[in-house]
C-alpha atoms as a PDB file:
ATOM      1  CA  MET A   1     -48.509 129.674 -36.518  1.00  0.00           C
ATOM      2  CA  LEU A   2     -49.432 129.211 -32.850  1.00  0.00           C
ATOM      3  CA  ASN A   3     -47.366 126.018 -32.658  1.00  0.00           C
ATOM      4  CA  THR A   4     -44.369 127.874 -34.100  1.00  0.00           C
ATOM      5  CA  LEU A   5     -44.686 130.552 -31.420  1.00  0.00           C
ATOM      6  CA  GLY A   6     -44.758 127.874 -28.726  1.00  0.00           C
ATOM      7  CA  VAL A   7     -41.688 126.159 -30.120  1.00  0.00           C
ATOM      8  CA  LEU A   8     -39.791 129.444 -30.237  1.00  0.00           C
ATOM      9  CA  GLY A   9     -41.290 131.079 -27.166  1.00  0.00           C
ATOM     10  CA  PHE A  10     -39.970 128.655 -24.585  1.00  0.00           C
ATOM     11  CA  PRO A  11     -36.297 128.787 -25.667  1.00  0.00           C
ATOM     12  CA  LEU A  12     -36.494 132.565 -25.978  1.00  0.00           C
ATOM     13  CA  LEU A  13     -37.930 132.775 -22.468  1.00  0.00           C
ATOM     14  CA  LEU A  14     -35.077 130.644 -21.129  1.00  0.00           C
ATOM     15  CA  LEU A  15     -32.542 132.767 -22.978  1.00  0.00           C
ATOM     16  CA  ALA A  16     -34.066 135.950 -21.545  1.00  0.00           C
ATOM     17  CA  PHE A  17     -33.906 134.440 -18.065  1.00  0.00           C
ATOM     18  CA  VAL A  18     -30.193 133.663 -18.475  1.00  0.00           C
ATOM     19  CA  VAL A  19     -29.471 137.179 -19.705  1.00  0.00           C
ATOM     20  CA  ILE A  20     -31.317 138.691 -16.742  1.00  0.00           C
ATOM     21  CA  ILE A  21     -29.306 136.579 -14.337  1.00  0.00           C
ATOM     22  CA  MET A  22     -26.045 137.574 -16.048  1.00  0.00           C
ATOM     23  CA  ILE A  23     -26.722 141.301 -15.738  1.00  0.00           C
ATOM     24  CA  GLN A  24     -28.095 141.136 -12.225  1.00  0.00           C
ATOM     25  CA  GLY A  25     -26.435 143.877 -10.243  1.00  0.00           C
ATOM     26  CA  SER A  26     -27.520 143.149  -6.692  1.00  0.00           C
ATOM     27  CA  SER A  27     -25.598 139.913  -6.264  1.00  0.00           C
ATOM     28  CA  PRO A  28     -22.912 139.711  -3.582  1.00  0.00           C
ATOM     29  CA  VAL A  29     -20.243 139.478  -6.284  1.00  0.00           C
ATOM     30  CA  ALA A  30     -21.519 142.690  -7.907  1.00  0.00           C
ATOM     31  CA  ARG A  31     -21.483 144.466  -4.564  1.00  0.00           C
ATOM     32  CA  PHE A  32     -17.927 143.410  -3.753  1.00  0.00           C
ATOM     33  CA  SER A  33     -16.911 144.399  -7.278  1.00  0.00           C
ATOM     34  CA  LYS A  34     -18.426 147.881  -6.927  1.00  0.00           C
ATOM     35  CA  ALA A  35     -16.505 148.247  -3.665  1.00  0.00           C
ATOM     36  CA  GLY A  36     -13.242 147.355  -5.425  1.00  0.00           C
ATOM     37  CA  ALA A  37     -12.564 144.237  -3.315  1.00  0.00           C
ATOM     38  CA  PHE A  38     -10.126 142.472  -5.661  1.00  0.00           C
ATOM     39  CA  SER A  39      -7.239 141.549  -3.364  1.00  0.00           C
ATOM     40  CA  PRO A  40      -6.597 140.671   0.284  1.00  0.00           C
ATOM     41  CA  GLU A  41      -5.579 144.304   0.855  1.00  0.00           C
ATOM     42  CA  THR A  42      -8.857 145.686  -0.520  1.00  0.00           C
ATOM     43  CA  ALA A  43     -11.090 142.928   0.904  1.00  0.00           C
ATOM     44  CA  ARG A  44     -14.315 144.062   2.574  1.00  0.00           C
ATOM     45  CA  ARG A  45     -16.751 142.720   5.142  1.00  0.00           C
ATOM     46  CA  PRO A  46     -20.182 141.679   3.798  1.00  0.00           C
ATOM     47  CA  ALA A  47     -22.043 144.303   5.819  1.00  0.00           C
ATOM     48  CA  SER A  48     -19.797 147.077   4.500  1.00  0.00           C
ATOM     49  CA  VAL A  49     -20.858 146.375   0.906  1.00  0.00           C
ATOM     50  CA  GLY A  50     -24.546 145.905   1.670  1.00  0.00           C
ATOM     51  CA  VAL A  51     -24.700 142.098   1.801  1.00  0.00           C
ATOM     52  CA  GLU A  52     -27.180 141.640   4.620  1.00  0.00           C
ATOM     53  CA  PHE A  53     -27.585 137.884   4.248  1.00  0.00           C
ATOM     54  CA  PRO A  54     -24.158 136.205   4.109  1.00  0.00           C
ATOM     55  CA  GLU A  55     -25.839 132.926   3.109  1.00  0.00           C
ATOM     56  CA  THR A  56     -26.209 134.444  -0.371  1.00  0.00           C
ATOM     57  CA  MET A  57     -22.420 134.224  -0.587  1.00  0.00           C
ATOM     58  CA  HIS A  58     -22.290 130.403  -0.373  1.00  0.00           C
ATOM     59  CA  ALA A  59     -22.389 129.784  -4.140  1.00  0.00           C
ATOM     60  CA  PRO A  60     -19.681 132.345  -5.037  1.00  0.00           C
ATOM     61  CA  LEU A  61     -17.523 130.989  -2.201  1.00  0.00           C
ATOM     62  CA  ARG A  62     -18.013 127.403  -3.348  1.00  0.00           C
ATOM     63  CA  LYS A  63     -17.137 128.365  -6.931  1.00  0.00           C
ATOM     64  CA  GLY A  64     -14.009 130.180  -5.767  1.00  0.00           C
ATOM     65  CA  ILE A  65     -15.157 133.569  -7.028  1.00  0.00           C
ATOM     66  CA  LEU A  66     -15.237 135.053  -3.531  1.00  0.00           C
ATOM     67  CA  ILE A  67     -12.261 134.355  -1.317  1.00  0.00           C
ATOM     68  CA  ALA A  68     -12.368 134.723   2.452  1.00  0.00           C
ATOM     69  CA  THR A  69      -9.569 136.267   4.461  1.00  0.00           C
ATOM     70  CA  ARG A  70      -8.773 135.155   8.007  1.00  0.00           C
ATOM     71  CA  ASP A  71     -10.344 138.252   9.527  1.00  0.00           C
ATOM     72  CA  GLY A  72     -13.832 137.822   8.009  1.00  0.00           C
ATOM     73  CA  ARG A  73     -13.359 139.959   4.944  1.00  0.00           C
ATOM     74  CA  TYR A  74     -13.839 138.803   1.349  1.00  0.00           C
ATOM     75  CA  TYR A  75     -12.518 139.677  -2.079  1.00  0.00           C
ATOM     76  CA  ILE A  76     -13.143 138.606  -5.673  1.00  0.00           C
ATOM     77  CA  ASP A  77     -10.815 136.400  -7.689  1.00  0.00           C
ATOM     78  CA  LEU A  78     -11.072 138.679 -10.714  1.00  0.00           C
ATOM     79  CA  ALA A  79      -9.258 136.332 -13.118  1.00  0.00           C
ATOM     80  CA  LEU A  80     -11.650 133.479 -12.305  1.00  0.00           C
ATOM     81  CA  LEU A  81     -14.682 135.756 -12.499  1.00  0.00           C
ATOM     82  CA  ASN A  82     -13.639 137.000 -15.945  1.00  0.00           C
ATOM     83  CA  ARG A  83     -13.084 133.439 -17.204  1.00  0.00           C
ATOM     84  CA  ARG A  84     -16.513 132.385 -15.982  1.00  0.00           C
ATOM     85  CA  ARG A  85     -18.154 135.450 -17.547  1.00  0.00           C
ATOM     86  CA  ARG A  86     -16.489 134.768 -20.908  1.00  0.00           C
ATOM     87  CA  ARG A  87     -17.668 131.174 -20.781  1.00  0.00           C
ATOM     88  CA  SER A  88     -21.211 132.277 -19.904  1.00  0.00           C
ATOM     89  CA  ARG A  89     -21.249 134.725 -22.798  1.00  0.00           C
ATOM     90  CA  ARG A  90     -20.152 131.987 -25.180  1.00  0.00           C
ATOM     91  CA  ILE A  91     -22.933 129.715 -23.933  1.00  0.00           C
ATOM     92  CA  VAL A  92     -25.537 132.458 -24.358  1.00  0.00           C
ATOM     93  CA  ALA A  93     -24.245 133.241 -27.849  1.00  0.00           C
ATOM     94  CA  ALA A  94     -24.391 129.548 -28.809  1.00  0.00           C
ATOM     95  CA  ALA A  95     -27.923 129.300 -27.434  1.00  0.00           C
ATOM     96  CA  ALA A  96     -28.940 132.364 -29.451  1.00  0.00           C
ATOM     97  CA  VAL A  97     -27.553 130.762 -32.617  1.00  0.00           C
ATOM     98  CA  VAL A  98     -29.498 127.572 -31.903  1.00  0.00           C
ATOM     99  CA  VAL A  99     -32.705 129.524 -31.263  1.00  0.00           C
ATOM    100  CA  ALA A 100     -32.199 131.525 -34.467  1.00  0.00           C
ATOM    101  CA  ALA A 101     -31.629 128.313 -36.431  1.00  0.00           C
ATOM    102  CA  LEU A 102     -34.790 126.797 -34.949  1.00  0.00           C
ATOM    103  CA  ALA A 103     -36.720 129.931 -35.864  1.00  0.00           C
ATOM    104  CA  ILE A 104     -35.509 129.751 -39.456  1.00  0.00           C
ATOM    105  CA  ILE A 105     -36.415 126.067 -39.669  1.00  0.00           C
ATOM    106  CA  ALA A 106     -39.828 126.647 -38.062  1.00  0.00           C
ATOM    107  CA  VAL A 107     -40.657 129.489 -40.442  1.00  0.00           C
ATOM    108  CA  ALA A 108     -39.505 127.450 -43.445  1.00  0.00           C
ATOM    109  CA  LEU A 109     -41.870 124.612 -42.533  1.00  0.00           C
END
């Protein structure tokens, strides 16, 4: 029984970690989204949306989710963000199916 919990516990912990990251609301992308920065016209400066450490924006910039304007403002590529979110949800759903299958197999043994 204890071995079964160990086998299932680790993947479930990883899955929980991924879900927490996905729903994290304090990321720079979430802050720009709440501010409605979805085009060059509605772009915002990091300080105006509460991003105190612009270095936290490196990953979204590198991935193309945040786009810089020439005057130091940023906005979200909403189409790209939605595609990435859909892909992440599919990965989490697939992982949940795998974990459920492992749980069924572990219980059957």
